Amino acid sequence: MKILGLIPAREGSKGIPGKNIKTLGNQPLIAYSIKDGIVAKLLSKTVVSTDSEKIAEVARNYGGEVPFIRPKELAQDKTPTIDVVLHALDFFEQNNEPFDAVCLLQPTSPFRSKGFIDECIQKFIETGADCLISVLDVPHEYNPHWTFKMDKQGSLSIATGESTLIPRRQELPMAYHRDGSIYISKVSLIRDKKVLVGGKTVGILSNKSYYANLDTPKDWEKAERTYKEIVECAE
């Protein structure tokens, strides 16, 4: 299976200005995903999609391939990720280089355990899935069976639609949330449904110690602590 590793990195970030090339630990944020993509044996190619020549230059300095500069209209706050993916696929198909699937590597989730991308791709192929996403388990206090919806009058109903609460934590079914580290989707799903997640979807557990989702300065501070724990301690 021919799989494109795609790293989306636009210039305009409001929560953490310039975050994609901001130094985290010992290198720019984007370098983590570039290096992960390069060492992944089951990725056919890994590229950076950016609207910024400055980001492109930094990416290339760390071994990243930047075959095009993304149009500014596809790098706005509300630009859907699926449009960015479709733009990349269109570029390669126009250059006679089609792919079977896309592996999205978001710079905002910089820490991935060694070999994790290949592990995800292997499971994606073996299960015949339309898409695979990396997940973490939901803490029991946030389990959907213990959460509520509220109407305009303030009346609560269980989010799952059940009439009574599951009484004991031990009886709760496991629940999972996307951690943002890995998305793998068949091109047929992307083209036909214009989504990254759909059809037969499988999940794979990430290492909770590596979790980071960088949207705010507080997220960045936490990621710096995580870097010290998982990178510096390993050196």
C-alpha atoms as a PDB file:
ATOM      1  CA  MET A   1       0.000   0.000   0.000  1.00  0.00           C
ATOM      2  CA  LYS A   2       1.364   3.400  -1.001  1.00  0.00           C
ATOM      3  CA  ILE A   3       0.906   5.804   1.915  1.00  0.00           C
ATOM      4  CA  LEU A   4       1.589   9.533   1.989  1.00  0.00           C
ATOM      5  CA  GLY A   5       2.757  11.048   5.252  1.00  0.00           C
ATOM      6  CA  LEU A   6       1.367  14.588   5.394  1.00  0.00           C
ATOM      7  CA  ILE A   7       2.442  17.253   7.891  1.00  0.00           C
ATOM      8  CA  PRO A   8       0.151  20.319   7.795  1.00  0.00           C
ATOM      9  CA  ALA A   9       1.844  23.482   9.085  1.00  0.00           C
ATOM     10  CA  ARG A  10       0.263  26.836   8.364  1.00  0.00           C
ATOM     11  CA  GLU A  11       1.745  30.184   9.322  1.00  0.00           C
ATOM     12  CA  GLY A  12      -1.161  31.876  11.119  1.00  0.00           C
ATOM     13  CA  SER A  13      -1.424  30.490  14.636  1.00  0.00           C
ATOM     14  CA  LYS A  14      -3.216  32.684  17.184  1.00  0.00           C
ATOM     15  CA  GLY A  15      -3.124  30.527  20.315  1.00  0.00           C
ATOM     16  CA  ILE A  16       0.657  30.070  20.147  1.00  0.00           C
ATOM     17  CA  PRO A  17       2.091  32.526  17.588  1.00  0.00           C
ATOM     18  CA  GLY A  18       4.573  30.907  15.213  1.00  0.00           C
ATOM     19  CA  LYS A  19       4.177  27.580  16.982  1.00  0.00           C
ATOM     20  CA  ASN A  20       5.141  25.318  14.074  1.00  0.00           C
ATOM     21  CA  ILE A  21       8.714  26.651  14.104  1.00  0.00           C
ATOM     22  CA  LYS A  22       8.851  27.645  17.779  1.00  0.00           C
ATOM     23  CA  THR A  23      11.588  25.773  19.640  1.00  0.00           C
ATOM     24  CA  LEU A  24      10.365  22.962  21.854  1.00  0.00           C
ATOM     25  CA  GLY A  25      13.169  21.310  23.754  1.00  0.00           C
ATOM     26  CA  ASN A  26      16.086  21.273  21.324  1.00  0.00           C
ATOM     27  CA  GLN A  27      14.379  21.805  17.955  1.00  0.00           C
ATOM     28  CA  PRO A  28      11.459  23.502  16.170  1.00  0.00           C
ATOM     29  CA  LEU A  29       8.068  21.914  16.791  1.00  0.00           C
ATOM     30  CA  ILE A  30       7.670  20.768  13.189  1.00  0.00           C
ATOM     31  CA  ALA A  31      10.976  18.863  13.310  1.00  0.00           C
ATOM     32  CA  TYR A  32       9.474  16.161  15.552  1.00  0.00           C
ATOM     33  CA  SER A  33       6.889  15.095  12.975  1.00  0.00           C
ATOM     34  CA  ILE A  34       9.370  15.419  10.110  1.00  0.00           C
ATOM     35  CA  LYS A  35      11.842  13.089  11.806  1.00  0.00           C
ATOM     36  CA  ASP A  36       9.087  10.623  12.749  1.00  0.00           C
ATOM     37  CA  GLY A  37       7.937  10.539   9.135  1.00  0.00           C
ATOM     38  CA  ILE A  38      11.441  10.046   7.779  1.00  0.00           C
ATOM     39  CA  VAL A  39      12.186   7.007   9.964  1.00  0.00           C
ATOM     40  CA  ALA A  40       8.781   5.355   9.395  1.00  0.00           C
ATOM     41  CA  LYS A  41       9.515   2.410   7.086  1.00  0.00           C
ATOM     42  CA  LEU A  42       5.927   1.961   5.884  1.00  0.00           C
ATOM     43  CA  LEU A  43       5.412   5.530   4.693  1.00  0.00           C
ATOM     44  CA  SER A  44       6.121   5.874   0.973  1.00  0.00           C
ATOM     45  CA  LYS A  45       6.784   9.614   1.213  1.00  0.00           C
ATOM     46  CA  THR A  46       6.461  12.299   3.879  1.00  0.00           C
ATOM     47  CA  VAL A  47       5.879  15.938   2.951  1.00  0.00           C
ATOM     48  CA  VAL A  48       5.079  19.242   4.629  1.00  0.00           C
ATOM     49  CA  SER A  49       2.090  21.266   3.456  1.00  0.00           C
ATOM     50  CA  THR A  50       2.575  24.921   4.368  1.00  0.00           C
ATOM     51  CA  ASP A  51       1.623  28.367   3.135  1.00  0.00           C
ATOM     52  CA  SER A  52       4.848  29.869   4.533  1.00  0.00           C
ATOM     53  CA  GLU A  53       8.248  30.078   2.861  1.00  0.00           C
ATOM     54  CA  LYS A  54       9.780  30.537   6.312  1.00  0.00           C
ATOM     55  CA  ILE A  55       8.223  27.315   7.625  1.00  0.00           C
ATOM     56  CA  ALA A  56       9.260  25.586   4.400  1.00  0.00           C
ATOM     57  CA  GLU A  57      12.874  26.670   4.915  1.00  0.00           C
ATOM     58  CA  VAL A  58      12.929  25.412   8.511  1.00  0.00           C
ATOM     59  CA  ALA A  59      11.313  22.144   7.421  1.00  0.00           C
ATOM     60  CA  ARG A  60      13.929  21.576   4.729  1.00  0.00           C
ATOM     61  CA  ASN A  61      16.710  22.295   7.233  1.00  0.00           C
ATOM     62  CA  TYR A  62      15.444  19.299   9.237  1.00  0.00           C
ATOM     63  CA  GLY A  63      15.150  16.987   6.255  1.00  0.00           C
ATOM     64  CA  GLY A  64      11.549  17.760   5.375  1.00  0.00           C
ATOM     65  CA  GLU A  65      10.304  17.607   1.805  1.00  0.00           C
ATOM     66  CA  VAL A  66       8.206  20.632   0.731  1.00  0.00           C
ATOM     67  CA  PRO A  67       7.113  20.000  -2.870  1.00  0.00           C
ATOM     68  CA  PHE A  68       4.643  22.900  -2.993  1.00  0.00           C
ATOM     69  CA  ILE A  69       3.527  26.002  -1.117  1.00  0.00           C
ATOM     70  CA  ARG A  70      -0.109  25.778  -0.084  1.00  0.00           C
ATOM     71  CA  PRO A  71      -2.392  28.610  -1.275  1.00  0.00           C
ATOM     72  CA  LYS A  72      -3.278  31.163   1.412  1.00  0.00           C
ATOM     73  CA  GLU A  73      -6.984  30.440   0.967  1.00  0.00           C
ATOM     74  CA  LEU A  74      -6.276  26.930   2.240  1.00  0.00           C
ATOM     75  CA  ALA A  75      -4.456  28.197   5.337  1.00  0.00           C
ATOM     76  CA  GLN A  76      -7.159  30.153   7.165  1.00  0.00           C
ATOM     77  CA  ASP A  77      -8.407  29.654  10.732  1.00  0.00           C
ATOM     78  CA  LYS A  78     -11.517  27.857   9.490  1.00  0.00           C
ATOM     79  CA  THR A  79      -9.946  25.880   6.645  1.00  0.00           C
ATOM     80  CA  PRO A  80     -10.985  22.229   7.101  1.00  0.00           C
ATOM     81  CA  THR A  81      -8.120  19.762   7.333  1.00  0.00           C
ATOM     82  CA  ILE A  82      -9.795  17.634   4.668  1.00  0.00           C
ATOM     83  CA  ASP A  83      -9.301  20.466   2.144  1.00  0.00           C
ATOM     84  CA  VAL A  84      -5.588  20.544   2.952  1.00  0.00           C
ATOM     85  CA  VAL A  85      -5.366  16.788   2.425  1.00  0.00           C
ATOM     86  CA  LEU A  86      -7.267  16.933  -0.863  1.00  0.00           C
ATOM     87  CA  HIS A  87      -4.981  19.716  -2.105  1.00  0.00           C
ATOM     88  CA  ALA A  88      -1.916  17.541  -1.445  1.00  0.00           C
ATOM     89  CA  LEU A  89      -3.486  14.501  -3.125  1.00  0.00           C
ATOM     90  CA  ASP A  90      -4.449  16.599  -6.156  1.00  0.00           C
ATOM     91  CA  PHE A  91      -0.876  17.848  -6.449  1.00  0.00           C
ATOM     92  CA  PHE A  92       0.616  14.365  -6.496  1.00  0.00           C
ATOM     93  CA  GLU A  93      -2.029  12.901  -8.788  1.00  0.00           C
ATOM     94  CA  GLN A  94      -1.397  15.720 -11.249  1.00  0.00           C
ATOM     95  CA  ASN A  95       2.254  14.713 -11.108  1.00  0.00           C
ATOM     96  CA  ASN A  96       1.428  11.039 -11.737  1.00  0.00           C
ATOM     97  CA  GLU A  97       2.114   9.965  -8.163  1.00  0.00           C
ATOM     98  CA  PRO A  98      -1.152   8.645  -6.707  1.00  0.00           C
ATOM     99  CA  PHE A  99      -1.443   7.229  -3.180  1.00  0.00           C
ATOM    100  CA  ASP A 100      -3.690   4.636  -1.569  1.00  0.00           C
ATOM    101  CA  ALA A 101      -3.857   6.283   1.853  1.00  0.00           C
ATOM    102  CA  VAL A 102      -2.787   9.345   3.804  1.00  0.00           C
ATOM    103  CA  CYS A 103      -1.171   9.359   7.251  1.00  0.00           C
ATOM    104  CA  LEU A 104      -1.723  12.751   8.865  1.00  0.00           C
ATOM    105  CA  LEU A 105       1.055  13.775  11.251  1.00  0.00           C
ATOM    106  CA  GLN A 106      -0.003  16.927  13.065  1.00  0.00           C
ATOM    107  CA  PRO A 107       2.889  18.992  14.463  1.00  0.00           C
ATOM    108  CA  THR A 108       0.679  19.905  17.430  1.00  0.00           C
ATOM    109  CA  SER A 109       1.105  16.305  18.662  1.00  0.00           C
ATOM    110  CA  PRO A 110       4.911  16.142  18.496  1.00  0.00           C
ATOM    111  CA  PHE A 111       5.725  13.158  20.695  1.00  0.00           C
ATOM    112  CA  ARG A 112       5.298   9.648  19.296  1.00  0.00           C
ATOM    113  CA  SER A 113       6.969   6.545  20.674  1.00  0.00           C
ATOM    114  CA  LYS A 114       9.605   4.835  18.538  1.00  0.00           C
ATOM    115  CA  GLY A 115       8.064   2.740  15.780  1.00  0.00           C
ATOM    116  CA  PHE A 116       4.524   3.925  16.534  1.00  0.00           C
ATOM    117  CA  ILE A 117       3.760   5.121  12.992  1.00  0.00           C
ATOM    118  CA  ASP A 118       4.726   1.773  11.488  1.00  0.00           C
ATOM    119  CA  GLU A 119       2.719  -0.036  14.178  1.00  0.00           C
ATOM    120  CA  CYS A 120      -0.332   2.042  13.232  1.00  0.00           C
ATOM    121  CA  ILE A 121       0.130   1.434   9.503  1.00  0.00           C
ATOM    122  CA  GLN A 122       0.545  -2.301  10.058  1.00  0.00           C
ATOM    123  CA  LYS A 123      -2.733  -2.461  11.987  1.00  0.00           C
ATOM    124  CA  PHE A 124      -4.451  -0.303   9.379  1.00  0.00           C
ATOM    125  CA  ILE A 125      -3.423  -2.700   6.614  1.00  0.00           C
ATOM    126  CA  GLU A 126      -4.076  -5.923   8.542  1.00  0.00           C
ATOM    127  CA  THR A 127      -7.603  -4.902   9.601  1.00  0.00           C
ATOM    128  CA  GLY A 128      -8.639  -3.670   6.162  1.00  0.00           C
ATOM    129  CA  ALA A 129      -9.871  -0.472   7.788  1.00  0.00           C
ATOM    130  CA  ASP A 130     -11.012   2.646   5.956  1.00  0.00           C
ATOM    131  CA  CYS A 131      -9.322   4.716   8.641  1.00  0.00           C
ATOM    132  CA  LEU A 132      -7.309   4.361  11.818  1.00  0.00           C
ATOM    133  CA  ILE A 133      -6.956   6.901  14.616  1.00  0.00           C
ATOM    134  CA  SER A 134      -4.736   6.916  17.679  1.00  0.00           C
ATOM    135  CA  VAL A 135      -6.658   7.145  20.935  1.00  0.00           C
ATOM    136  CA  LEU A 136      -6.328   7.397  24.692  1.00  0.00           C
ATOM    137  CA  ASP A 137      -8.765   6.105  27.275  1.00  0.00           C
ATOM    138  CA  VAL A 138     -11.243   8.565  28.788  1.00  0.00           C
ATOM    139  CA  PRO A 139     -10.938   9.052  32.583  1.00  0.00           C
ATOM    140  CA  HIS A 140     -13.922   7.418  34.264  1.00  0.00           C
ATOM    141  CA  GLU A 141     -15.325  10.729  35.537  1.00  0.00           C
ATOM    142  CA  TYR A 142     -15.685  11.855  31.908  1.00  0.00           C
ATOM    143  CA  ASN A 143     -17.037   8.557  30.595  1.00  0.00           C
ATOM    144  CA  PRO A 144     -20.062   9.297  28.330  1.00  0.00           C
ATOM    145  CA  HIS A 145     -22.217   7.067  30.570  1.00  0.00           C
ATOM    146  CA  TRP A 146     -21.514   9.508  33.399  1.00  0.00           C
ATOM    147  CA  THR A 147     -21.908  12.758  31.450  1.00  0.00           C
ATOM    148  CA  PHE A 148     -25.048  14.759  30.786  1.00  0.00           C
ATOM    149  CA  LYS A 149     -26.794  16.974  28.274  1.00  0.00           C
ATOM    150  CA  MET A 150     -28.661  20.021  29.564  1.00  0.00           C
ATOM    151  CA  ASP A 151     -31.699  21.609  27.919  1.00  0.00           C
ATOM    152  CA  LYS A 152     -32.678  25.286  28.027  1.00  0.00           C
ATOM    153  CA  GLN A 153     -34.591  24.752  31.260  1.00  0.00           C
ATOM    154  CA  GLY A 154     -31.576  23.193  32.949  1.00  0.00           C
ATOM    155  CA  SER A 155     -32.907  19.641  32.924  1.00  0.00           C
ATOM    156  CA  LEU A 156     -30.244  16.957  32.611  1.00  0.00           C
ATOM    157  CA  SER A 157     -30.296  13.728  30.614  1.00  0.00           C
ATOM    158  CA  ILE A 158     -27.563  11.109  30.331  1.00  0.00           C
ATOM    159  CA  ALA A 159     -25.461  11.768  27.248  1.00  0.00           C
ATOM    160  CA  THR A 160     -25.766   8.155  26.050  1.00  0.00           C
ATOM    161  CA  GLY A 161     -29.573   8.284  26.138  1.00  0.00           C
ATOM    162  CA  GLU A 162     -29.889   5.770  28.979  1.00  0.00           C
ATOM    163  CA  SER A 163     -32.566   6.317  31.612  1.00  0.00           C
ATOM    164  CA  THR A 164     -30.429   5.385  34.635  1.00  0.00           C
ATOM    165  CA  LEU A 165     -26.784   5.873  35.537  1.00  0.00           C
ATOM    166  CA  ILE A 166     -24.355   2.982  35.717  1.00  0.00           C
ATOM    167  CA  PRO A 167     -23.759   2.935  39.481  1.00  0.00           C
ATOM    168  CA  ARG A 168     -20.189   1.672  39.782  1.00  0.00           C
ATOM    169  CA  ARG A 169     -16.983   2.764  38.062  1.00  0.00           C
ATOM    170  CA  GLN A 170     -16.013  -0.880  37.581  1.00  0.00           C
ATOM    171  CA  GLU A 171     -19.127  -1.427  35.441  1.00  0.00           C
ATOM    172  CA  LEU A 172     -18.393   1.379  32.999  1.00  0.00           C
ATOM    173  CA  PRO A 173     -17.451   0.260  29.482  1.00  0.00           C
ATOM    174  CA  MET A 174     -14.136   1.621  28.263  1.00  0.00           C
ATOM    175  CA  ALA A 175     -14.344   4.850  26.285  1.00  0.00           C
ATOM    176  CA  TYR A 176     -11.664   6.496  24.176  1.00  0.00           C
ATOM    177  CA  HIS A 177     -10.872   9.916  22.719  1.00  0.00           C
ATOM    178  CA  ARG A 178      -8.736  10.944  19.757  1.00  0.00           C
ATOM    179  CA  ASP A 179      -5.312  12.140  20.854  1.00  0.00           C
ATOM    180  CA  GLY A 180      -4.360  13.784  17.541  1.00  0.00           C
ATOM    181  CA  SER A 181      -1.131  11.866  17.051  1.00  0.00           C
ATOM    182  CA  ILE A 182      -2.057   9.664  14.070  1.00  0.00           C
ATOM    183  CA  TYR A 183      -4.820   9.655  11.459  1.00  0.00           C
ATOM    184  CA  ILE A 184      -4.600   7.185   8.576  1.00  0.00           C
ATOM    185  CA  SER A 185      -7.311   7.271   5.916  1.00  0.00           C
ATOM    186  CA  LYS A 186      -7.832   5.548   2.594  1.00  0.00           C
ATOM    187  CA  VAL A 187      -7.843   7.927  -0.353  1.00  0.00           C
ATOM    188  CA  SER A 188     -11.132   6.356  -1.478  1.00  0.00           C
ATOM    189  CA  LEU A 189     -12.749   7.470   1.802  1.00  0.00           C
ATOM    190  CA  ILE A 190     -11.251  10.948   1.505  1.00  0.00           C
ATOM    191  CA  ARG A 191     -12.409  11.327  -2.081  1.00  0.00           C
ATOM    192  CA  ASP A 192     -15.863   9.769  -1.741  1.00  0.00           C
ATOM    193  CA  LYS A 193     -16.941  11.092   1.674  1.00  0.00           C
ATOM    194  CA  LYS A 194     -14.722  14.170   2.080  1.00  0.00           C
ATOM    195  CA  VAL A 195     -13.788  12.992   5.593  1.00  0.00           C
ATOM    196  CA  LEU A 196     -10.749  11.565   7.362  1.00  0.00           C
ATOM    197  CA  VAL A 197     -12.763   9.478   9.837  1.00  0.00           C
ATOM    198  CA  GLY A 198     -15.540   7.247   8.544  1.00  0.00           C
ATOM    199  CA  GLY A 199     -16.402   3.829   7.225  1.00  0.00           C
ATOM    200  CA  LYS A 200     -14.670   0.979   9.040  1.00  0.00           C
ATOM    201  CA  THR A 201     -12.734   2.827  11.747  1.00  0.00           C
ATOM    202  CA  VAL A 202     -10.185   1.170  14.002  1.00  0.00           C
ATOM    203  CA  GLY A 203      -8.263   2.642  16.909  1.00  0.00           C
ATOM    204  CA  ILE A 204      -4.866   2.089  18.425  1.00  0.00           C
ATOM    205  CA  LEU A 205      -3.794   3.084  21.906  1.00  0.00           C
ATOM    206  CA  SER A 206      -1.110   5.741  22.217  1.00  0.00           C
ATOM    207  CA  ASN A 207       1.335   5.995  25.087  1.00  0.00           C
ATOM    208  CA  LYS A 208      -0.321   8.376  27.538  1.00  0.00           C
ATOM    209  CA  SER A 209       3.085   9.636  28.692  1.00  0.00           C
ATOM    210  CA  TYR A 210       3.656  11.120  25.225  1.00  0.00           C
ATOM    211  CA  TYR A 211       0.378  13.021  24.995  1.00  0.00           C
ATOM    212  CA  ALA A 212       0.511  16.656  23.880  1.00  0.00           C
ATOM    213  CA  ASN A 213      -2.037  18.778  22.037  1.00  0.00           C
ATOM    214  CA  LEU A 214      -0.652  22.257  21.505  1.00  0.00           C
ATOM    215  CA  ASP A 215      -3.281  24.983  21.231  1.00  0.00           C
ATOM    216  CA  THR A 216      -2.551  27.347  24.139  1.00  0.00           C
ATOM    217  CA  PRO A 217       0.502  28.667  26.049  1.00  0.00           C
ATOM    218  CA  LYS A 218      -0.427  26.335  28.941  1.00  0.00           C
ATOM    219  CA  ASP A 219      -0.353  23.398  26.526  1.00  0.00           C
ATOM    220  CA  TRP A 220       3.131  24.488  25.489  1.00  0.00           C
ATOM    221  CA  GLU A 221       4.339  24.640  29.083  1.00  0.00           C
ATOM    222  CA  LYS A 222       3.023  21.120  29.648  1.00  0.00           C
ATOM    223  CA  ALA A 223       4.755  19.911  26.468  1.00  0.00           C
ATOM    224  CA  GLU A 224       8.052  21.342  27.717  1.00  0.00           C
ATOM    225  CA  ARG A 225       7.658  19.307  30.908  1.00  0.00           C
ATOM    226  CA  THR A 226       6.793  16.224  28.847  1.00  0.00           C
ATOM    227  CA  TYR A 227       9.899  16.769  26.723  1.00  0.00           C
ATOM    228  CA  LYS A 228      12.069  16.752  29.828  1.00  0.00           C
ATOM    229  CA  GLU A 229      10.393  13.568  31.066  1.00  0.00           C
ATOM    230  CA  ILE A 230      10.501  11.488  27.876  1.00  0.00           C
ATOM    231  CA  VAL A 231      13.422  12.919  25.937  1.00  0.00           C
ATOM    232  CA  GLU A 232      15.984  14.291  28.330  1.00  0.00           C
ATOM    233  CA  CYS A 233      15.550  11.361  30.744  1.00  0.00           C
ATOM    234  CA  ALA A 234      16.206   8.929  27.892  1.00  0.00           C
ATOM    235  CA  GLU A 235      19.487  10.596  26.944  1.00  0.00           C
END
